Amino acid sequence: MILARGRLASPALILMAAVITLAVRWQGIGDIVAHADEQFYLLVGDHMLNRGAVPYADIWDRKPVGLFLLYAGIRLLGGEGIVQYQLVALLAVAATSGILALWIGRYSGWIGAVAGVMLYNGLLVSHLGFGGQAEVFLNLLIVAAGWLTHRLVVDEKPSNKRFLVAGGAAMLLCGLAIQVKPTAVLPGVFLGLALIWAGWRAGLGWKRISLLALFWAGLALLPTLLVILTYWAIGLLDQWLFANIFSIFEKAPDRAVAVAGRIADIRREFGRPFAVAAVLAVAQCAFRREQRSWVPALFLLGWLLSGVAAFAVLSAAYPHYALVMAPMGCLLAGYAMRGNLPGYALALWLLNLSLDNVKLYEWRLEASGAVAAQIRSMAAAIQPHLRGGRCLYVYHGPVILYQLTGACIPTRFAFPNHLSIRTEATGLGIDPAAEVKRIIAARPAVIVDGAFDFHQPNMATQRLVRAELVRRYRPIAQVKDGRGVLLVVAYVRRPAVPTGR
């Protein structure tokens, strides 16, 4: 095994991680149809920065405000924001991959580091993490926190100052991650418990450990407390509470068959390699009879289980939600790739899986290229009809049309699924049909409607929109996929027919 040691080892590992990240992701820079979620995050960030919008009050969603603040910051970089957010996401993945490479290289050398980084990048691009999904940024924060915690856990005699500074930094990073997406809660709790265990093993008294635990918990909660205080100060705490907490429980469940299908995919893509890695990591410890190797192995295994729990408890099994456990599984896999035949076999298998995942991403980019060009053409066709401050309403279609046209939005429920799909009907705090009636009454200049894929439509709102389209609108642009299947249609309002006296 070629160990990753020496004066130049760390820079070389970081460079390797950056090169792999760039090679995998560069071709997707500028992809305007990356995913509806990130199109919406960009829209919210733009409206916060340029129009003074307040999340939840002026533009509604369930995601934490930290994610929207991140995108508002990205809008400071100028341009349309599409290339800019994807470049920032690339840098986040490169930084995450760099930490993974350093971490794995310490135990398994270059082979483990390369395979682990490839596995992470492959899982990202094959599970909707190819652009600026929340997990892309969340994982950087949680991996950095894990790295700091791990160093305290494996060091038998860390100083009190390190517990205070490094432990505090780890918990603050977890707190920031929670404000990007709540799936960071359980991995963050595990890291907090690991810090307490490390303090106990280092011989700190329970009084000191208790004080440190309170300090760590305070730092982990600090970002959320600041958000709560801000919304309280501006009189919108009820809006924050509903969007971030209560609405989650009021949303209708997805169809069981749809959830089961997504779970099957996650089990295949994540479960198999991570389970094999876990078994091999434990076996490596047992057969090598190295007592010190058990601590990092069990730490990584426990942390992975916390990620699995976060996915199981806090998602409807959507592919990108599984990405919260990707770095933990990749670290455990890298740890298992020790310098022996089983380790090398695991590395070859995971490299092959990773290359297959990257190939799937390349096929997706090829298929979406023509769609992206048609969406730009649609935006160009829509724009002349928006003069005089007239609005665009995307009932079901690409959110990016709002950004490309600069249109006003006739509702605070700008994410199309909120008013157009069945599962959202009970989770908005309003009657979706009444909201759609209000939008129609405002006479938007253009309405965009599209095909439903795996989502079930909200039949009440769909009937309202489609009846209005038949009565008062005509099609001006459409988008089809490579097989000629109609995906999206833009309709412009017909001029009112003058009536005689």
Protein backbone atom coordinates (compact mmCIF):
# COMPACT_ATOMS: atom_id res chain seq x y z
CA MET A 1 0.00 0.00 0.00
CA ILE A 2 1.26 3.45 -0.92
CA LEU A 3 0.66 5.48 2.19
CA ALA A 4 -0.36 9.12 1.89
CA ARG A 5 2.42 10.49 4.04
CA GLY A 6 5.19 13.01 3.71
CA ARG A 7 5.41 16.75 3.37
CA LEU A 8 3.68 16.89 -0.02
CA ALA A 9 1.09 14.20 0.65
CA SER A 10 -1.67 16.52 1.87
CA PRO A 11 -1.45 19.03 -1.01
CA ALA A 12 -1.26 16.14 -3.48
CA LEU A 13 -4.37 14.50 -2.02
CA ILE A 14 -6.29 17.78 -2.11
CA LEU A 15 -5.18 18.35 -5.73
CA MET A 16 -6.26 14.82 -6.66
CA ALA A 17 -9.69 15.41 -5.13
CA ALA A 18 -10.06 18.73 -6.97
CA VAL A 19 -9.09 17.17 -10.32
CA ILE A 20 -11.60 14.33 -9.91
CA THR A 21 -14.35 16.77 -8.94
CA LEU A 22 -13.61 19.03 -11.90
CA ALA A 23 -13.44 16.09 -14.33
CA VAL A 24 -16.81 14.78 -13.18
CA ARG A 25 -18.75 18.07 -12.88
CA TRP A 26 -17.30 20.62 -15.33
CA GLN A 27 -19.49 19.56 -18.27
CA GLY A 28 -22.63 20.36 -16.27
CA ILE A 29 -21.70 23.99 -15.65
CA GLY A 30 -24.37 26.16 -17.25
CA ASP A 31 -27.06 23.46 -17.25
CA ILE A 32 -30.28 25.45 -16.80
CA VAL A 33 -32.41 22.35 -16.19
CA ALA A 34 -30.20 20.80 -13.51
CA HIS A 35 -33.09 20.34 -11.04
CA ALA A 36 -36.24 22.24 -10.10
CA ASP A 37 -35.15 22.55 -6.46
CA GLU A 38 -32.00 24.50 -7.15
CA GLN A 39 -33.74 26.59 -9.79
CA PHE A 40 -36.11 27.63 -7.01
CA TYR A 41 -33.32 28.27 -4.47
CA LEU A 42 -31.70 30.59 -7.01
CA LEU A 43 -35.01 32.39 -7.52
CA VAL A 44 -35.50 32.90 -3.79
CA GLY A 45 -31.92 34.12 -3.35
CA ASP A 46 -32.36 36.55 -6.23
CA HIS A 47 -35.62 37.93 -4.81
CA MET A 48 -34.05 38.30 -1.36
CA LEU A 49 -31.10 40.23 -2.71
CA ASN A 50 -32.73 42.29 -5.43
CA ARG A 51 -36.36 42.64 -4.33
CA GLY A 52 -36.14 42.48 -0.55
CA ALA A 53 -38.23 39.30 -0.32
CA VAL A 54 -38.53 37.62 3.08
CA PRO A 55 -38.63 33.82 2.91
CA TYR A 56 -41.92 32.23 4.07
CA ALA A 57 -43.78 35.57 4.04
CA ASP A 58 -43.11 36.78 0.48
CA ILE A 59 -42.00 33.53 -1.13
CA TRP A 60 -42.84 30.23 0.53
CA ASP A 61 -40.99 26.96 1.08
CA ARG A 62 -40.03 24.57 3.87
CA LYS A 63 -36.26 24.77 3.51
CA PRO A 64 -34.27 26.60 6.22
CA VAL A 65 -33.40 30.23 5.59
CA GLY A 66 -29.67 29.48 5.65
CA LEU A 67 -29.95 27.80 2.25
CA PHE A 68 -31.66 30.87 0.79
CA LEU A 69 -29.08 33.18 2.34
CA LEU A 70 -26.39 31.11 0.64
CA TYR A 71 -28.06 31.58 -2.73
CA ALA A 72 -28.61 35.28 -2.04
CA GLY A 73 -24.86 35.53 -1.48
CA ILE A 74 -24.21 33.70 -4.74
CA ARG A 75 -26.31 36.30 -6.58
CA LEU A 76 -23.71 38.88 -5.56
CA LEU A 77 -21.44 37.21 -8.14
CA GLY A 78 -23.58 38.66 -10.94
CA GLY A 79 -24.71 37.14 -14.22
CA GLU A 80 -27.87 35.08 -14.49
CA GLY A 81 -26.79 33.18 -11.41
CA ILE A 82 -26.90 29.75 -13.07
CA VAL A 83 -23.21 29.36 -13.89
CA GLN A 84 -22.34 31.13 -10.65
CA TYR A 85 -24.25 28.80 -8.30
CA GLN A 86 -22.93 25.75 -10.14
CA LEU A 87 -19.34 26.96 -9.81
CA VAL A 88 -19.84 27.57 -6.09
CA ALA A 89 -21.33 24.07 -5.82
CA LEU A 90 -18.30 22.66 -7.64
CA LEU A 91 -15.99 24.37 -5.15
CA ALA A 92 -18.05 22.95 -2.27
CA VAL A 93 -17.77 19.42 -3.67
CA ALA A 94 -14.04 19.87 -4.31
CA ALA A 95 -13.53 21.01 -0.70
CA THR A 96 -15.62 18.11 0.64
CA SER A 97 -13.71 15.67 -1.57
CA GLY A 98 -10.43 17.14 -0.34
CA ILE A 99 -11.34 16.48 3.29
CA LEU A 100 -12.45 12.95 2.39
CA ALA A 101 -9.14 12.34 0.60
CA LEU A 102 -7.07 13.53 3.56
CA TRP A 103 -9.18 11.48 5.97
CA ILE A 104 -9.07 8.24 3.96
CA GLY A 105 -5.43 8.68 2.94
CA ARG A 106 -4.42 8.62 6.59
CA TYR A 107 -5.59 4.99 6.87
CA SER A 108 -5.68 3.49 3.38
CA GLY A 109 -3.24 5.49 1.28
CA TRP A 110 -3.73 6.67 -2.26
CA ILE A 111 -5.78 3.76 -3.53
CA GLY A 112 -8.42 4.19 -0.84
CA ALA A 113 -8.41 7.99 -1.21
CA VAL A 114 -8.92 7.90 -4.99
CA ALA A 115 -11.65 5.25 -4.79
CA GLY A 116 -13.44 7.04 -1.94
CA VAL A 117 -13.43 10.40 -3.71
CA MET A 118 -14.60 8.80 -6.96
CA LEU A 119 -17.41 7.01 -5.12
CA TYR A 120 -18.56 10.26 -3.52
CA ASN A 121 -18.57 12.22 -6.78
CA GLY A 122 -20.29 9.37 -8.62
CA LEU A 123 -23.06 9.12 -6.04
CA LEU A 124 -23.61 12.89 -6.18
CA VAL A 125 -24.09 13.14 -9.93
CA SER A 126 -26.25 10.00 -10.13
CA HIS A 127 -28.61 11.09 -7.33
CA LEU A 128 -29.51 14.68 -8.25
CA GLY A 129 -26.42 16.19 -6.62
CA PHE A 130 -24.94 17.32 -9.95
CA GLY A 131 -25.85 20.97 -9.39
CA GLY A 132 -26.57 22.99 -6.29
CA GLN A 133 -28.82 20.74 -4.22
CA ALA A 134 -28.79 21.50 -0.50
CA GLU A 135 -26.81 18.31 0.21
CA VAL A 136 -23.87 19.59 -1.83
CA PHE A 137 -23.36 22.40 0.68
CA LEU A 138 -24.64 20.56 3.76
CA ASN A 139 -22.10 17.76 3.25
CA LEU A 140 -19.17 20.18 3.24
CA LEU A 141 -20.20 21.53 6.64
CA ILE A 142 -20.98 18.15 8.18
CA VAL A 143 -17.81 16.50 6.81
CA ALA A 144 -15.66 19.34 8.16
CA ALA A 145 -17.40 18.91 11.54
CA GLY A 146 -16.83 15.16 11.38
CA TRP A 147 -13.14 15.62 10.59
CA LEU A 148 -12.64 17.86 13.62
CA THR A 149 -14.57 15.46 15.86
CA HIS A 150 -12.76 12.40 14.53
CA ARG A 151 -9.37 13.91 15.35
CA LEU A 152 -10.49 14.37 18.95
CA VAL A 153 -11.93 10.87 19.11
CA VAL A 154 -8.80 9.07 17.85
CA ASP A 155 -6.38 11.18 19.92
CA GLU A 156 -6.05 9.50 23.31
CA LYS A 157 -5.02 12.68 25.15
CA PRO A 158 -6.40 15.79 23.46
CA SER A 159 -5.95 19.00 25.40
CA ASN A 160 -8.77 20.90 27.09
CA LYS A 161 -8.22 23.74 24.64
CA ARG A 162 -8.77 21.42 21.69
CA PHE A 163 -12.04 20.18 23.17
CA LEU A 164 -13.15 23.77 23.56
CA VAL A 165 -12.00 25.11 20.19
CA ALA A 166 -12.17 22.13 17.81
CA GLY A 167 -15.27 20.66 19.49
CA GLY A 168 -16.96 24.05 19.46
CA ALA A 169 -16.10 24.60 15.80
CA ALA A 170 -17.49 21.15 14.93
CA MET A 171 -20.79 21.87 16.66
CA LEU A 172 -21.10 25.33 15.09
CA LEU A 173 -20.57 23.74 11.67
CA CYS A 174 -23.34 21.26 12.48
CA GLY A 175 -25.60 24.15 13.44
CA LEU A 176 -24.91 25.87 10.14
CA ALA A 177 -25.57 22.59 8.30
CA ILE A 178 -28.98 22.32 9.99
CA GLN A 179 -29.83 25.74 8.57
CA VAL A 180 -29.06 24.37 5.12
CA LYS A 181 -31.20 21.24 5.56
CA PRO A 182 -32.62 19.56 8.69
CA THR A 183 -31.27 16.13 7.67
CA ALA A 184 -28.02 17.29 9.31
CA VAL A 185 -29.63 17.00 12.77
CA LEU A 186 -29.02 13.31 13.44
CA PRO A 187 -25.44 13.18 12.07
CA GLY A 188 -24.76 16.30 14.16
CA VAL A 189 -26.22 14.66 17.29
CA PHE A 190 -23.95 11.66 16.74
CA LEU A 191 -20.91 13.94 16.53
CA GLY A 192 -21.96 15.65 19.76
CA LEU A 193 -22.25 12.29 21.53
CA ALA A 194 -18.85 11.29 20.12
CA LEU A 195 -17.33 14.46 21.60
CA ILE A 196 -18.79 13.62 25.01
CA TRP A 197 -17.36 10.10 24.75
CA ALA A 198 -13.96 11.49 23.75
CA GLY A 199 -14.02 13.80 26.78
CA TRP A 200 -14.86 10.87 29.06
CA ARG A 201 -12.05 8.75 27.59
CA ALA A 202 -9.59 11.64 27.99
CA GLY A 203 -10.32 11.63 31.72
CA LEU A 204 -12.22 14.90 31.95
CA GLY A 205 -14.43 15.08 35.01
CA TRP A 206 -18.18 14.90 34.53
CA LYS A 207 -18.56 18.49 35.65
CA ARG A 208 -16.21 19.68 32.93
CA ILE A 209 -17.80 17.38 30.35
CA SER A 210 -21.25 18.73 31.28
CA LEU A 211 -20.10 22.31 30.85
CA LEU A 212 -18.48 21.48 27.53
CA ALA A 213 -21.64 19.68 26.38
CA LEU A 214 -23.73 22.75 27.18
CA PHE A 215 -21.25 24.92 25.30
CA TRP A 216 -21.28 22.58 22.28
CA ALA A 217 -25.08 22.36 22.27
CA GLY A 218 -25.35 26.15 22.46
CA LEU A 219 -23.10 26.56 19.43
CA ALA A 220 -25.05 23.91 17.51
CA LEU A 221 -28.32 25.70 18.25
CA LEU A 222 -26.94 29.22 17.74
CA PRO A 223 -27.68 29.62 13.98
CA THR A 224 -31.27 28.43 14.42
CA LEU A 225 -31.78 30.62 17.50
CA LEU A 226 -30.53 33.65 15.55
CA VAL A 227 -33.02 32.89 12.78
CA ILE A 228 -35.87 32.51 15.29
CA LEU A 229 -34.97 35.79 16.99
CA THR A 230 -34.82 37.57 13.63
CA TYR A 231 -38.26 36.36 12.59
CA TRP A 232 -39.63 37.21 16.01
CA ALA A 233 -38.19 40.72 15.77
CA ILE A 234 -39.88 41.37 12.41
CA GLY A 235 -43.18 39.88 13.55
CA LEU A 236 -43.08 36.80 11.31
CA LEU A 237 -42.24 34.05 13.79
CA ASP A 238 -45.57 32.31 13.09
CA GLN A 239 -44.66 32.14 9.40
CA TRP A 240 -41.29 30.60 10.23
CA LEU A 241 -42.79 28.07 12.64
CA PHE A 242 -45.40 26.91 10.17
CA ALA A 243 -43.04 26.61 7.20
CA ASN A 244 -40.16 24.94 9.06
CA ILE A 245 -42.07 22.70 11.46
CA PHE A 246 -45.85 22.38 11.31
CA SER A 247 -46.25 22.18 7.52
CA ILE A 248 -43.97 19.13 7.41
CA PHE A 249 -46.52 17.12 9.40
CA GLU A 250 -49.52 18.47 7.47
CA LYS A 251 -48.20 17.47 4.04
CA ALA A 252 -49.92 14.35 2.66
CA PRO A 253 -47.79 11.19 2.31
CA ASP A 254 -46.61 10.09 -1.10
CA ARG A 255 -47.95 6.92 -2.70
CA ALA A 256 -46.52 3.81 -1.04
CA VAL A 257 -45.55 2.28 -4.38
CA ALA A 258 -43.57 5.41 -5.34
CA VAL A 259 -41.73 5.49 -2.02
CA ALA A 260 -40.99 1.75 -2.27
CA GLY A 261 -39.49 2.22 -5.72
CA ARG A 262 -37.22 5.01 -4.53
CA ILE A 263 -36.13 2.98 -1.50
CA ALA A 264 -35.24 0.06 -3.78
CA ASP A 265 -32.98 2.35 -5.80
CA ILE A 266 -31.31 3.74 -2.68
CA ARG A 267 -30.80 0.25 -1.28
CA ARG A 268 -29.10 -0.80 -4.51
CA GLU A 269 -26.95 2.30 -5.03
CA PHE A 270 -26.08 3.06 -1.40
CA GLY A 271 -26.98 0.03 0.67
CA ARG A 272 -24.95 -2.60 -1.15
CA PRO A 273 -21.58 -0.81 -1.34
CA PHE A 274 -21.89 0.66 2.15
CA ALA A 275 -22.92 -2.67 3.70
CA VAL A 276 -19.98 -4.45 2.04
CA ALA A 277 -17.67 -1.66 3.20
CA ALA A 278 -18.96 -1.91 6.78
CA VAL A 279 -18.43 -5.68 6.92
CA LEU A 280 -14.96 -5.41 5.41
CA ALA A 281 -13.96 -2.54 7.72
CA VAL A 282 -14.90 -4.60 10.78
CA ALA A 283 -13.13 -7.64 9.32
CA GLN A 284 -9.97 -5.61 8.67
CA CYS A 285 -9.92 -4.58 12.34
CA ALA A 286 -10.53 -8.13 13.55
CA PHE A 287 -7.94 -9.84 11.39
CA ARG A 288 -5.27 -7.19 11.83
CA ARG A 289 -5.75 -7.34 15.60
CA GLU A 290 -4.98 -3.63 15.91
CA GLN A 291 -6.82 -2.34 18.97
CA ARG A 292 -6.39 1.28 17.92
CA SER A 293 -8.07 0.65 14.56
CA TRP A 294 -11.41 -0.16 16.22
CA VAL A 295 -12.06 3.40 17.37
CA PRO A 296 -12.08 5.07 13.93
CA ALA A 297 -13.91 2.12 12.37
CA LEU A 298 -16.70 2.18 14.95
CA PHE A 299 -16.87 5.98 14.78
CA LEU A 300 -17.41 5.86 11.00
CA LEU A 301 -19.89 3.02 11.28
CA GLY A 302 -21.94 4.86 13.90
CA TRP A 303 -21.84 8.07 11.92
CA LEU A 304 -23.02 6.23 8.80
CA LEU A 305 -25.93 4.76 10.77
CA SER A 306 -26.89 8.28 11.89
CA GLY A 307 -26.96 9.31 8.21
CA VAL A 308 -29.12 6.31 7.35
CA ALA A 309 -31.47 7.27 10.19
CA ALA A 310 -31.65 10.87 8.93
CA PHE A 311 -32.62 9.62 5.48
CA ALA A 312 -35.19 7.19 6.90
CA VAL A 313 -36.83 9.66 9.28
CA LEU A 314 -36.60 13.00 7.49
CA SER A 315 -37.34 12.23 3.85
CA ALA A 316 -39.82 10.60 1.51
CA ALA A 317 -36.96 8.57 0.02
CA TYR A 318 -36.16 11.10 -2.70
CA PRO A 319 -32.72 10.30 -4.19
CA HIS A 320 -30.97 13.50 -3.13
CA TYR A 321 -32.01 13.05 0.50
CA ALA A 322 -29.85 9.92 0.59
CA LEU A 323 -26.79 12.05 -0.18
CA VAL A 324 -26.54 13.04 3.49
CA MET A 325 -25.13 9.57 4.18
CA ALA A 326 -22.85 9.53 1.12
CA PRO A 327 -19.73 11.01 2.77
CA MET A 328 -20.00 8.70 5.80
CA GLY A 329 -20.33 5.63 3.58
CA CYS A 330 -17.47 6.74 1.34
CA LEU A 331 -15.26 7.28 4.37
CA LEU A 332 -16.08 3.82 5.72
CA ALA A 333 -15.45 2.30 2.28
CA GLY A 334 -12.13 4.13 2.07
CA TYR A 335 -11.20 2.92 5.54
CA ALA A 336 -11.92 -0.68 4.47
CA MET A 337 -9.59 -0.42 1.43
CA ARG A 338 -6.50 -1.38 3.39
CA GLY A 339 -3.37 -2.70 1.68
CA ASN A 340 -4.49 -6.29 1.11
CA LEU A 341 -6.39 -8.31 -1.47
CA PRO A 342 -9.91 -7.71 -0.04
CA GLY A 343 -9.21 -3.99 0.16
CA TYR A 344 -7.97 -3.83 -3.42
CA ALA A 345 -10.96 -5.87 -4.62
CA LEU A 346 -13.33 -3.44 -2.90
CA ALA A 347 -11.52 -0.50 -4.47
CA LEU A 348 -11.85 -1.96 -7.98
CA TRP A 349 -15.54 -2.74 -7.49
CA LEU A 350 -16.34 0.75 -6.18
CA LEU A 351 -14.33 2.44 -8.91
CA ASN A 352 -16.36 0.50 -11.48
CA LEU A 353 -19.62 1.56 -9.78
CA SER A 354 -18.45 5.16 -9.73
CA LEU A 355 -17.59 5.18 -13.43
CA ASP A 356 -21.02 3.72 -14.21
CA ASN A 357 -22.64 6.52 -12.20
CA VAL A 358 -20.63 9.17 -14.02
CA LYS A 359 -21.63 7.63 -17.35
CA LEU A 360 -25.30 7.86 -16.36
CA TYR A 361 -24.76 11.54 -15.62
CA GLU A 362 -23.17 12.09 -19.04
CA TRP A 363 -26.18 10.47 -20.72
CA ARG A 364 -28.48 12.74 -18.73
CA LEU A 365 -26.57 15.81 -19.89
CA GLU A 366 -26.83 14.70 -23.51
CA ALA A 367 -30.58 14.23 -23.16
CA SER A 368 -31.14 17.53 -21.36
CA GLY A 369 -29.10 19.66 -23.78
CA ALA A 370 -31.92 19.93 -26.34
CA VAL A 371 -34.47 20.54 -23.59
CA ALA A 372 -32.36 23.38 -22.16
CA ALA A 373 -32.18 25.09 -25.57
CA GLN A 374 -35.97 24.87 -25.94
CA ILE A 375 -36.49 26.37 -22.47
CA ARG A 376 -34.32 29.35 -23.40
CA SER A 377 -36.37 29.75 -26.57
CA MET A 378 -39.55 29.57 -24.50
CA ALA A 379 -38.25 32.30 -22.18
CA ALA A 380 -37.49 34.47 -25.20
CA ALA A 381 -41.01 33.89 -26.53
CA ILE A 382 -42.58 34.74 -23.17
CA GLN A 383 -40.62 37.91 -22.44
CA PRO A 384 -42.30 40.31 -24.91
CA HIS A 385 -45.68 39.57 -23.32
CA LEU A 386 -44.50 40.68 -19.87
CA ARG A 387 -44.09 44.37 -20.67
CA GLY A 388 -45.63 46.81 -18.27
CA GLY A 389 -45.02 44.60 -15.26
CA ARG A 390 -47.39 41.85 -16.36
CA CYS A 391 -46.85 38.52 -14.61
CA LEU A 392 -45.88 35.00 -15.55
CA TYR A 393 -47.45 32.08 -13.71
CA VAL A 394 -45.64 28.74 -13.89
CA TYR A 395 -48.36 26.37 -12.74
CA HIS A 396 -46.38 23.22 -13.53
CA GLY A 397 -43.10 23.60 -15.36
CA PRO A 398 -39.51 24.88 -15.11
CA VAL A 399 -39.03 27.35 -12.24
CA ILE A 400 -36.03 28.77 -14.09
CA LEU A 401 -38.43 30.59 -16.45
CA TYR A 402 -39.03 33.16 -13.71
CA GLN A 403 -35.29 33.82 -13.53
CA LEU A 404 -34.70 33.86 -17.29
CA THR A 405 -37.56 36.28 -17.97
CA GLY A 406 -37.27 38.47 -14.87
CA ALA A 407 -41.04 38.22 -14.57
CA CYS A 408 -43.15 39.23 -11.62
CA ILE A 409 -44.65 36.28 -9.75
CA PRO A 410 -48.38 36.42 -8.96
CA THR A 411 -48.18 34.23 -5.85
CA ARG A 412 -45.88 33.60 -2.92
CA PHE A 413 -46.13 29.88 -3.77
CA ALA A 414 -43.66 30.21 -6.63
CA PHE A 415 -42.45 26.61 -6.49
CA PRO A 416 -44.91 25.00 -8.94
CA ASN A 417 -45.39 21.73 -7.05
CA HIS A 418 -46.86 23.53 -4.06
CA LEU A 419 -50.07 24.37 -5.92
CA SER A 420 -50.03 21.66 -8.57
CA ILE A 421 -49.46 18.29 -6.87
CA ARG A 422 -51.68 16.23 -4.59
CA THR A 423 -49.33 15.73 -1.63
CA GLU A 424 -48.96 19.49 -1.07
CA ALA A 425 -52.68 20.25 -0.90
CA THR A 426 -52.91 19.98 2.90
CA GLY A 427 -49.45 21.27 3.79
CA LEU A 428 -49.50 24.93 2.75
CA GLY A 429 -51.71 26.52 5.38
CA ILE A 430 -54.04 27.78 2.65
CA ASP A 431 -56.55 26.31 0.21
CA PRO A 432 -54.60 25.74 -3.05
CA ALA A 433 -57.76 25.98 -5.17
CA ALA A 434 -58.63 29.36 -3.65
CA GLU A 435 -55.08 30.58 -4.29
CA VAL A 436 -55.20 29.45 -7.92
CA LYS A 437 -58.56 31.19 -8.38
CA ARG A 438 -56.98 34.38 -7.03
CA ILE A 439 -54.04 34.03 -9.44
CA ILE A 440 -56.36 33.48 -12.40
CA ALA A 441 -58.43 36.50 -11.39
CA ALA A 442 -55.23 38.60 -11.54
CA ARG A 443 -54.97 37.72 -15.27
CA PRO A 444 -51.33 36.67 -15.65
CA ALA A 445 -50.03 37.47 -19.11
CA VAL A 446 -48.55 33.98 -19.54
CA ILE A 447 -49.31 30.65 -17.88
CA VAL A 448 -46.98 27.66 -18.16
CA ASP A 449 -48.32 24.13 -17.76
CA GLY A 450 -46.59 20.81 -18.21
CA ALA A 451 -46.72 17.05 -17.98
CA PHE A 452 -46.68 15.33 -14.60
CA ASP A 453 -44.08 12.61 -14.24
CA PHE A 454 -44.10 10.63 -11.00
CA HIS A 455 -46.18 13.21 -9.10
CA GLN A 456 -49.95 13.01 -8.91
CA PRO A 457 -51.65 16.29 -9.84
CA ASN A 458 -53.88 18.30 -7.54
CA MET A 459 -57.05 17.69 -9.53
CA ALA A 460 -58.86 20.74 -8.13
CA THR A 461 -56.21 23.24 -9.18
CA GLN A 462 -55.48 21.44 -12.44
CA ARG A 463 -59.13 21.68 -13.51
CA LEU A 464 -59.15 25.42 -12.74
CA VAL A 465 -55.97 26.16 -14.70
CA ARG A 466 -56.77 24.03 -17.72
CA ALA A 467 -60.29 25.40 -18.00
CA GLU A 468 -58.87 28.93 -17.96
CA LEU A 469 -56.28 28.01 -20.60
CA VAL A 470 -59.03 26.76 -22.92
CA ARG A 471 -61.17 29.88 -22.38
CA ARG A 472 -58.68 32.70 -22.53
CA TYR A 473 -55.16 31.57 -23.56
CA ARG A 474 -53.37 30.29 -26.63
CA PRO A 475 -50.05 28.38 -26.88
CA ILE A 476 -46.95 30.29 -27.95
CA ALA A 477 -44.08 27.89 -27.16
CA GLN A 478 -43.49 24.30 -26.17
CA VAL A 479 -40.73 21.98 -25.01
CA LYS A 480 -40.38 18.34 -26.06
CA ASP A 481 -37.92 15.67 -25.00
CA GLY A 482 -35.67 13.72 -27.37
CA ARG A 483 -38.46 11.24 -28.13
CA GLY A 484 -40.88 14.00 -29.10
CA VAL A 485 -42.93 13.76 -25.91
CA LEU A 486 -44.49 17.09 -24.95
CA LEU A 487 -43.13 18.32 -21.61
CA VAL A 488 -44.10 21.98 -21.19
CA VAL A 489 -46.34 24.51 -22.97
CA ALA A 490 -46.44 28.29 -22.50
CA TYR A 491 -49.78 30.00 -23.08
CA VAL A 492 -50.33 33.73 -23.61
CA ARG A 493 -53.58 35.44 -22.69
CA ARG A 494 -55.73 36.27 -25.69
CA PRO A 495 -56.88 39.88 -26.05
CA ALA A 496 -60.36 40.47 -24.74
CA VAL A 497 -62.95 40.55 -27.51
CA PRO A 498 -64.78 43.90 -27.45
CA THR A 499 -68.50 43.59 -27.05
CA GLY A 500 -71.04 45.91 -28.64
CA ARG A 501 -73.66 47.85 -26.70
